[in-house]
N, C-alpha and C. Protein backbone atom coordinates (compact mmCIF):
# COMPACT_ATOMS: atom_id res chain seq x y z
N MET A 1 -12.36 -53.32 61.85
CA MET A 1 -12.09 -52.31 62.72
C MET A 1 -12.33 -51.02 61.94
N LYS A 2 -12.66 -50.03 62.71
CA LYS A 2 -13.06 -48.69 62.16
C LYS A 2 -12.01 -47.78 62.54
N PHE A 3 -11.33 -47.15 61.38
CA PHE A 3 -10.28 -46.15 61.55
C PHE A 3 -10.92 -44.79 61.63
N ARG A 4 -10.42 -43.96 62.32
CA ARG A 4 -10.77 -42.64 62.35
C ARG A 4 -10.04 -41.83 61.34
N ARG A 5 -10.71 -41.08 60.60
CA ARG A 5 -10.00 -40.37 59.43
C ARG A 5 -9.39 -39.08 60.27
N ARG A 6 -8.20 -38.86 59.70
CA ARG A 6 -7.39 -37.77 60.35
C ARG A 6 -7.89 -36.42 59.52
N ALA A 7 -7.83 -35.46 60.45
CA ALA A 7 -8.19 -34.16 59.76
C ALA A 7 -7.14 -33.66 58.81
N LYS A 8 -7.52 -33.21 57.71
CA LYS A 8 -6.45 -32.78 56.81
C LYS A 8 -5.78 -31.48 57.30
N VAL A 9 -4.54 -31.60 57.27
CA VAL A 9 -3.75 -30.41 57.82
C VAL A 9 -3.61 -29.54 56.47
N ALA A 10 -3.59 -28.31 56.51
CA ALA A 10 -3.49 -27.26 55.36
C ALA A 10 -1.81 -27.30 55.02
N GLN A 11 -1.49 -27.73 53.87
CA GLN A 11 -0.05 -27.73 53.38
C GLN A 11 0.20 -26.23 52.77
N ASP A 12 0.61 -25.39 53.51
CA ASP A 12 0.98 -24.01 52.98
C ASP A 12 2.62 -23.86 53.35
N VAL A 13 3.10 -22.95 52.52
CA VAL A 13 4.44 -22.61 52.61
C VAL A 13 4.43 -21.14 53.17
N ASN A 14 5.30 -20.97 54.03
CA ASN A 14 5.32 -19.68 54.58
C ASN A 14 6.57 -19.00 53.76
N VAL A 15 6.02 -17.93 53.00
CA VAL A 15 6.97 -17.27 52.04
C VAL A 15 7.71 -16.02 52.77
N THR A 16 7.25 -15.62 53.92
CA THR A 16 7.79 -14.38 54.46
C THR A 16 9.34 -14.44 54.64
N PRO A 17 10.04 -15.45 55.06
CA PRO A 17 11.54 -15.48 55.00
C PRO A 17 12.04 -15.37 53.52
N LEU A 18 11.27 -16.06 52.72
CA LEU A 18 11.91 -15.99 51.18
C LEU A 18 11.81 -14.53 50.71
N ILE A 19 10.74 -13.68 51.05
CA ILE A 19 10.61 -12.27 50.70
C ILE A 19 11.53 -11.48 51.43
N ASP A 20 11.87 -11.80 52.66
CA ASP A 20 13.04 -11.11 53.36
C ASP A 20 14.35 -11.14 52.62
N VAL A 21 14.63 -12.50 52.30
CA VAL A 21 15.84 -12.73 51.69
C VAL A 21 15.98 -11.97 50.26
N VAL A 22 14.91 -11.82 49.52
CA VAL A 22 14.75 -11.36 48.17
C VAL A 22 14.98 -9.79 48.31
N PHE A 23 14.53 -9.32 49.37
CA PHE A 23 14.64 -7.78 49.64
C PHE A 23 15.96 -7.45 50.08
N LEU A 24 16.49 -8.24 50.89
CA LEU A 24 18.00 -8.10 51.26
C LEU A 24 18.86 -8.13 50.22
N LEU A 25 18.72 -9.17 49.16
CA LEU A 25 19.34 -9.24 47.88
C LEU A 25 19.30 -7.89 46.98
N LEU A 26 18.13 -7.50 46.92
CA LEU A 26 17.87 -6.25 46.06
C LEU A 26 18.54 -5.14 46.79
N ILE A 27 18.49 -5.08 48.04
CA ILE A 27 19.22 -3.75 48.70
C ILE A 27 20.77 -4.01 48.56
N PHE A 28 21.32 -5.15 48.75
CA PHE A 28 22.66 -5.47 48.65
C PHE A 28 23.09 -5.01 47.09
N PHE A 29 22.39 -5.38 46.04
CA PHE A 29 22.75 -5.13 44.71
C PHE A 29 22.71 -3.64 44.45
N MET A 30 21.58 -2.88 44.99
CA MET A 30 21.40 -1.63 44.78
C MET A 30 22.56 -0.73 45.44
N VAL A 31 22.94 -1.19 46.61
CA VAL A 31 24.10 -0.37 47.32
C VAL A 31 25.37 -0.65 46.74
N SER A 32 25.75 -1.95 46.28
CA SER A 32 26.96 -2.20 45.69
C SER A 32 27.15 -1.96 44.32
N THR A 33 26.22 -1.50 43.47
CA THR A 33 26.28 -1.22 42.17
C THR A 33 26.92 0.12 41.97
N THR A 34 28.01 0.11 40.94
CA THR A 34 28.48 1.58 40.90
C THR A 34 27.86 2.05 39.59
N PHE A 35 27.35 3.32 39.58
CA PHE A 35 26.80 4.03 38.29
C PHE A 35 27.76 4.79 37.76
N THR A 36 28.09 4.48 36.62
CA THR A 36 29.11 5.24 35.87
C THR A 36 28.46 6.06 34.66
N LYS A 37 28.79 7.16 34.73
CA LYS A 37 28.35 8.13 33.49
C LYS A 37 29.41 8.01 32.60
N GLU A 38 29.18 7.69 31.26
CA GLU A 38 30.17 7.68 30.14
C GLU A 38 30.27 9.07 29.56
N THR A 39 31.40 9.63 29.45
CA THR A 39 31.71 10.81 28.87
C THR A 39 31.69 10.75 27.45
N HIS A 40 31.24 11.85 26.86
CA HIS A 40 31.23 11.82 25.37
C HIS A 40 32.34 12.70 24.86
N LEU A 41 33.40 12.96 25.74
CA LEU A 41 34.60 13.67 25.24
C LEU A 41 35.83 12.69 25.14
N VAL A 42 36.25 12.57 23.84
CA VAL A 42 37.36 11.70 23.78
C VAL A 42 38.77 12.54 23.93
N VAL A 43 39.55 11.93 24.72
CA VAL A 43 40.81 12.59 25.04
C VAL A 43 41.85 11.89 24.53
N ASN A 44 42.62 12.38 23.72
CA ASN A 44 43.70 11.76 22.96
C ASN A 44 45.09 12.39 23.53
N LEU A 45 45.64 11.37 24.61
CA LEU A 45 46.95 11.89 25.27
C LEU A 45 48.16 11.40 24.38
N PRO A 46 48.73 12.25 23.68
CA PRO A 46 49.98 11.93 22.90
C PRO A 46 51.02 11.56 23.76
N GLU A 47 51.87 10.49 23.10
CA GLU A 47 53.27 10.30 23.94
C GLU A 47 53.98 11.32 23.58
N ALA A 48 54.82 11.58 24.74
CA ALA A 48 55.63 12.86 24.76
C ALA A 48 56.89 12.57 23.96
N ASP A 49 57.34 11.40 23.59
CA ASP A 49 58.62 11.18 22.65
C ASP A 49 58.02 10.65 21.39
N ALA A 50 56.99 10.65 21.11
CA ALA A 50 56.38 10.31 19.75
C ALA A 50 56.58 11.51 18.71
N ALA A 51 56.34 11.29 17.49
CA ALA A 51 56.49 12.28 16.35
C ALA A 51 55.25 13.22 16.60
N PRO A 52 55.32 14.38 16.14
CA PRO A 52 54.09 15.38 16.61
C PRO A 52 53.29 14.97 15.41
N SER A 53 51.91 15.19 15.93
CA SER A 53 50.68 14.82 14.99
C SER A 53 50.57 16.12 14.24
N GLU A 54 49.65 15.94 13.10
CA GLU A 54 49.38 17.01 12.33
C GLU A 54 48.15 17.53 12.80
N SER A 55 47.97 18.92 12.97
CA SER A 55 46.86 19.60 13.50
C SER A 55 45.70 19.54 12.57
N VAL A 56 44.56 19.52 12.91
CA VAL A 56 43.28 19.76 12.37
C VAL A 56 43.15 20.99 11.86
N PRO A 57 42.77 21.37 10.53
CA PRO A 57 42.63 22.71 10.11
C PRO A 57 41.57 23.42 10.84
N ASP A 58 40.44 22.91 11.26
CA ASP A 58 39.41 23.51 12.04
C ASP A 58 39.54 23.30 13.52
N SER A 59 40.66 23.69 13.97
CA SER A 59 41.09 23.44 15.31
C SER A 59 40.94 24.61 16.18
N ILE A 60 40.55 24.53 17.43
CA ILE A 60 40.52 25.63 18.34
C ILE A 60 41.59 25.28 19.36
N ASP A 61 42.56 26.33 19.63
CA ASP A 61 43.65 26.01 20.70
C ASP A 61 43.14 26.99 22.02
N ILE A 62 43.23 26.07 22.95
CA ILE A 62 42.98 26.69 24.37
C ILE A 62 44.30 26.64 25.15
N LEU A 63 44.86 27.81 25.34
CA LEU A 63 46.08 28.06 26.07
C LEU A 63 45.64 28.26 27.60
N ILE A 64 46.37 27.50 28.54
CA ILE A 64 46.11 27.78 30.05
C ILE A 64 47.41 28.28 30.57
N THR A 65 47.59 29.35 31.16
CA THR A 65 48.78 29.70 31.79
C THR A 65 48.93 29.14 33.10
N ALA A 66 50.05 29.33 33.79
CA ALA A 66 50.38 28.91 35.11
C ALA A 66 49.34 29.39 36.17
N GLU A 67 48.93 30.58 35.95
CA GLU A 67 47.85 31.19 36.90
C GLU A 67 46.46 30.67 36.49
N GLY A 68 46.18 30.00 35.48
CA GLY A 68 44.90 29.47 35.23
C GLY A 68 44.16 30.35 34.22
N ASN A 69 44.81 31.27 33.59
CA ASN A 69 44.18 32.24 32.71
C ASN A 69 44.04 31.54 31.27
N TYR A 70 42.78 31.86 30.70
CA TYR A 70 42.63 31.13 29.31
C TYR A 70 42.89 32.12 28.25
N SER A 71 43.21 31.36 27.07
CA SER A 71 43.48 32.27 25.89
C SER A 71 43.05 31.36 24.90
N LEU A 72 41.96 31.82 23.85
CA LEU A 72 41.56 31.05 22.76
C LEU A 72 42.02 31.57 21.49
N ASN A 73 42.89 30.59 20.82
CA ASN A 73 43.47 31.01 19.53
C ASN A 73 44.28 32.30 19.49
N GLY A 74 44.98 32.45 20.85
CA GLY A 74 45.94 33.41 21.11
C GLY A 74 45.20 34.74 21.50
N VAL A 75 43.80 34.74 21.55
CA VAL A 75 43.21 36.00 22.22
C VAL A 75 42.81 35.53 23.75
N ALA A 76 43.34 36.45 24.62
CA ALA A 76 43.15 36.14 26.00
C ALA A 76 41.65 36.53 26.24
N LEU A 77 41.16 35.70 27.34
CA LEU A 77 39.80 35.92 27.90
C LEU A 77 39.92 36.89 29.05
N VAL A 78 38.74 37.49 29.26
CA VAL A 78 38.51 38.45 30.29
C VAL A 78 38.96 38.01 31.90
N ASN A 79 38.32 36.65 31.98
CA ASN A 79 38.27 36.07 33.31
C ASN A 79 38.53 34.66 33.20
N GLN A 80 38.41 34.00 34.25
CA GLN A 80 38.59 32.50 34.28
C GLN A 80 37.24 31.63 34.56
N GLN A 81 36.07 32.29 34.38
CA GLN A 81 34.97 31.89 34.42
C GLN A 81 34.43 30.76 33.35
N ILE A 82 33.91 29.62 33.67
CA ILE A 82 33.39 28.83 32.66
C ILE A 82 32.48 29.27 31.62
N LYS A 83 31.61 30.33 32.07
CA LYS A 83 30.78 30.89 31.08
C LYS A 83 31.49 31.66 30.15
N THR A 84 32.52 32.47 30.55
CA THR A 84 33.26 33.41 29.53
C THR A 84 33.94 32.28 28.49
N LEU A 85 34.50 31.24 29.12
CA LEU A 85 35.20 30.28 28.29
C LEU A 85 34.20 29.65 27.13
N MET A 86 33.01 29.20 27.62
CA MET A 86 32.05 28.60 26.92
C MET A 86 31.51 29.60 25.60
N ALA A 87 31.40 30.96 26.17
CA ALA A 87 30.97 31.92 25.03
C ALA A 87 32.04 32.03 23.93
N GLY A 88 33.28 31.89 24.39
CA GLY A 88 34.36 32.15 23.36
C GLY A 88 34.52 30.96 22.47
N LEU A 89 34.18 29.66 23.10
CA LEU A 89 34.25 28.46 22.28
C LEU A 89 33.03 28.62 21.10
N LYS A 90 31.89 29.03 21.75
CA LYS A 90 30.69 29.19 20.90
C LYS A 90 31.06 29.85 19.70
N GLN A 91 31.66 31.05 19.95
CA GLN A 91 31.92 32.04 18.99
C GLN A 91 33.00 31.65 17.87
N LEU A 92 33.95 30.75 18.43
CA LEU A 92 35.00 30.31 17.49
C LEU A 92 34.51 29.06 16.70
N SER A 93 33.70 28.32 17.23
CA SER A 93 33.25 27.08 16.56
C SER A 93 32.15 27.08 15.56
N THR A 94 32.06 26.10 14.78
CA THR A 94 30.89 26.04 13.79
C THR A 94 30.27 24.60 14.04
N GLU A 95 29.07 24.64 13.70
CA GLU A 95 28.25 23.46 13.85
C GLU A 95 28.37 22.33 12.81
N PRO A 96 28.58 21.11 13.01
CA PRO A 96 28.47 20.45 14.34
C PRO A 96 29.81 20.53 14.90
N ARG A 97 29.80 20.77 16.07
CA ARG A 97 30.96 20.82 16.97
C ARG A 97 31.85 19.50 16.98
N SER A 98 31.21 18.34 16.79
CA SER A 98 31.79 17.19 16.74
C SER A 98 33.03 16.98 15.75
N ASP A 99 32.88 17.72 14.70
CA ASP A 99 33.85 17.79 13.64
C ASP A 99 35.09 18.58 13.95
N THR A 100 34.96 19.72 14.84
CA THR A 100 35.90 20.54 15.27
C THR A 100 36.81 20.08 16.31
N GLY A 101 38.00 20.13 15.97
CA GLY A 101 39.23 19.69 16.95
C GLY A 101 39.54 20.73 18.02
N LEU A 102 39.81 20.30 19.13
CA LEU A 102 40.06 21.18 20.21
C LEU A 102 41.44 20.76 20.94
N THR A 103 42.24 21.52 21.02
CA THR A 103 43.68 21.33 21.61
C THR A 103 43.86 22.38 22.77
N ILE A 104 44.19 21.45 23.94
CA ILE A 104 44.41 22.22 25.32
C ILE A 104 45.83 22.21 25.38
N THR A 105 46.45 23.37 25.55
CA THR A 105 48.09 23.58 25.89
C THR A 105 48.04 24.06 27.32
N ALA A 106 48.53 23.41 28.32
CA ALA A 106 48.57 24.05 29.63
C ALA A 106 50.04 23.94 30.06
N ASP A 107 50.25 24.97 30.91
CA ASP A 107 51.59 25.04 31.65
C ASP A 107 51.77 23.87 32.63
N ALA A 108 53.05 23.54 32.75
CA ALA A 108 53.15 22.25 33.65
C ALA A 108 52.71 22.58 35.13
N LYS A 109 52.67 23.95 35.45
CA LYS A 109 52.28 24.36 36.84
C LYS A 109 50.92 24.85 36.84
N THR A 110 50.03 24.70 35.75
CA THR A 110 48.67 24.96 35.87
C THR A 110 47.90 24.22 36.77
N PRO A 111 46.85 24.96 37.57
CA PRO A 111 46.33 24.15 38.37
C PRO A 111 45.24 23.21 37.71
N HIS A 112 45.19 22.04 38.31
CA HIS A 112 44.28 20.92 37.64
C HIS A 112 42.95 21.35 37.46
N GLN A 113 42.44 22.14 38.19
CA GLN A 113 40.94 22.57 38.10
C GLN A 113 40.91 23.38 36.82
N ALA A 114 41.82 24.36 36.25
CA ALA A 114 41.70 24.95 35.19
C ALA A 114 41.53 24.15 33.92
N VAL A 115 42.41 23.02 33.88
CA VAL A 115 42.26 21.87 32.79
C VAL A 115 40.99 21.35 32.78
N VAL A 116 40.51 20.97 34.07
CA VAL A 116 39.18 20.19 33.93
C VAL A 116 38.13 21.20 33.68
N THR A 117 38.16 22.59 33.99
CA THR A 117 37.18 23.45 33.61
C THR A 117 37.08 23.66 32.01
N ALA A 118 38.17 23.49 31.39
CA ALA A 118 38.39 23.75 29.97
C ALA A 118 37.82 22.41 29.36
N MET A 119 37.99 21.24 29.88
CA MET A 119 37.46 20.02 29.37
C MET A 119 35.96 19.98 29.59
N ASP A 120 35.54 20.46 30.77
CA ASP A 120 34.00 20.26 31.05
C ASP A 120 33.37 21.41 30.10
N ALA A 121 33.79 22.63 29.78
CA ALA A 121 33.18 23.63 28.82
C ALA A 121 33.13 22.97 27.52
N ALA A 122 34.16 22.14 27.15
CA ALA A 122 34.23 21.57 25.71
C ALA A 122 33.22 20.57 25.77
N GLY A 123 33.07 19.69 26.74
CA GLY A 123 32.31 18.54 26.75
C GLY A 123 30.68 19.13 26.90
N ARG A 124 30.34 20.07 27.48
CA ARG A 124 29.17 20.76 27.38
C ARG A 124 28.73 21.31 26.18
N LEU A 125 29.53 21.75 25.39
CA LEU A 125 29.34 22.29 24.03
C LEU A 125 29.39 21.25 22.93
N GLY A 126 29.64 20.05 23.22
CA GLY A 126 29.57 18.96 22.21
C GLY A 126 30.84 18.64 21.54
N PHE A 127 31.92 19.29 21.91
CA PHE A 127 33.29 18.85 21.25
C PHE A 127 33.66 17.38 21.64
N VAL A 128 33.88 16.52 20.69
CA VAL A 128 34.44 15.20 21.06
C VAL A 128 35.81 15.00 20.53
N ASN A 129 36.50 15.89 19.88
CA ASN A 129 37.91 15.71 19.36
C ASN A 129 38.65 16.55 20.24
N LEU A 130 39.23 15.95 21.26
CA LEU A 130 40.19 16.60 22.28
C LEU A 130 41.48 16.21 22.32
N SER A 131 42.50 17.00 22.09
CA SER A 131 43.92 16.76 22.28
C SER A 131 44.62 17.57 23.39
N ILE A 132 45.44 16.94 23.88
CA ILE A 132 46.32 17.78 25.00
C ILE A 132 47.73 17.83 24.63
N LEU A 133 48.13 18.91 24.43
CA LEU A 133 49.72 19.15 23.90
C LEU A 133 50.55 18.85 24.98
N THR A 134 51.66 18.21 24.42
CA THR A 134 52.80 17.92 25.45
C THR A 134 54.04 18.38 24.70
N GLN A 135 55.08 18.13 25.36
CA GLN A 135 56.43 18.57 24.61
C GLN A 135 57.43 17.36 24.99
N GLU A 136 58.44 17.17 24.13
CA GLU A 136 59.40 16.17 24.45
C GLU A 136 60.11 16.37 25.63
N PRO A 137 60.47 15.44 26.40
CA PRO A 137 61.23 15.60 27.46
C PRO A 137 62.73 16.03 27.22
N ALA A 138 63.29 16.77 27.94
CA ALA A 138 64.88 17.20 27.56
C ALA A 138 65.73 15.99 27.68
N GLN A 139 66.71 16.19 26.90
CA GLN A 139 67.83 15.01 26.91
C GLN A 139 68.34 14.81 28.38
N GLY A 140 68.44 13.40 28.87
CA GLY A 140 69.02 13.13 29.99
C GLY A 140 68.04 13.16 31.24
N GLU A 141 66.75 13.27 30.92
CA GLU A 141 65.77 13.13 31.90
C GLU A 141 65.01 11.93 31.76
């Protein structure tokens, strides 16, 4: 008996659905990934009831009033702009700025934006040792 040979059927895999799935996974991971920018500014938040820490001799003090006005080492700045604050910090600091300590003393009613502006100016100039001054709570609170 003579058998007919079957025609060979091409064995191929359709990869189009696989490519679609890979692209969907790629898009999912790109959208769900959070991009964090690490800051180079170290913030030391002292405990309010702890013993006072010793200040660094090469320290710059930024005083922020309740209205948001700045003062550097007791000298009031002309305005509240970040450029003025950065110019004053440049004038008072020595290179490298990573060795210079920076203390922010803000009134309890100071706008949050004023403190963030001071921290931003310090970070842009390369200060890494930042302390925020607090006071002990009154007895009975």
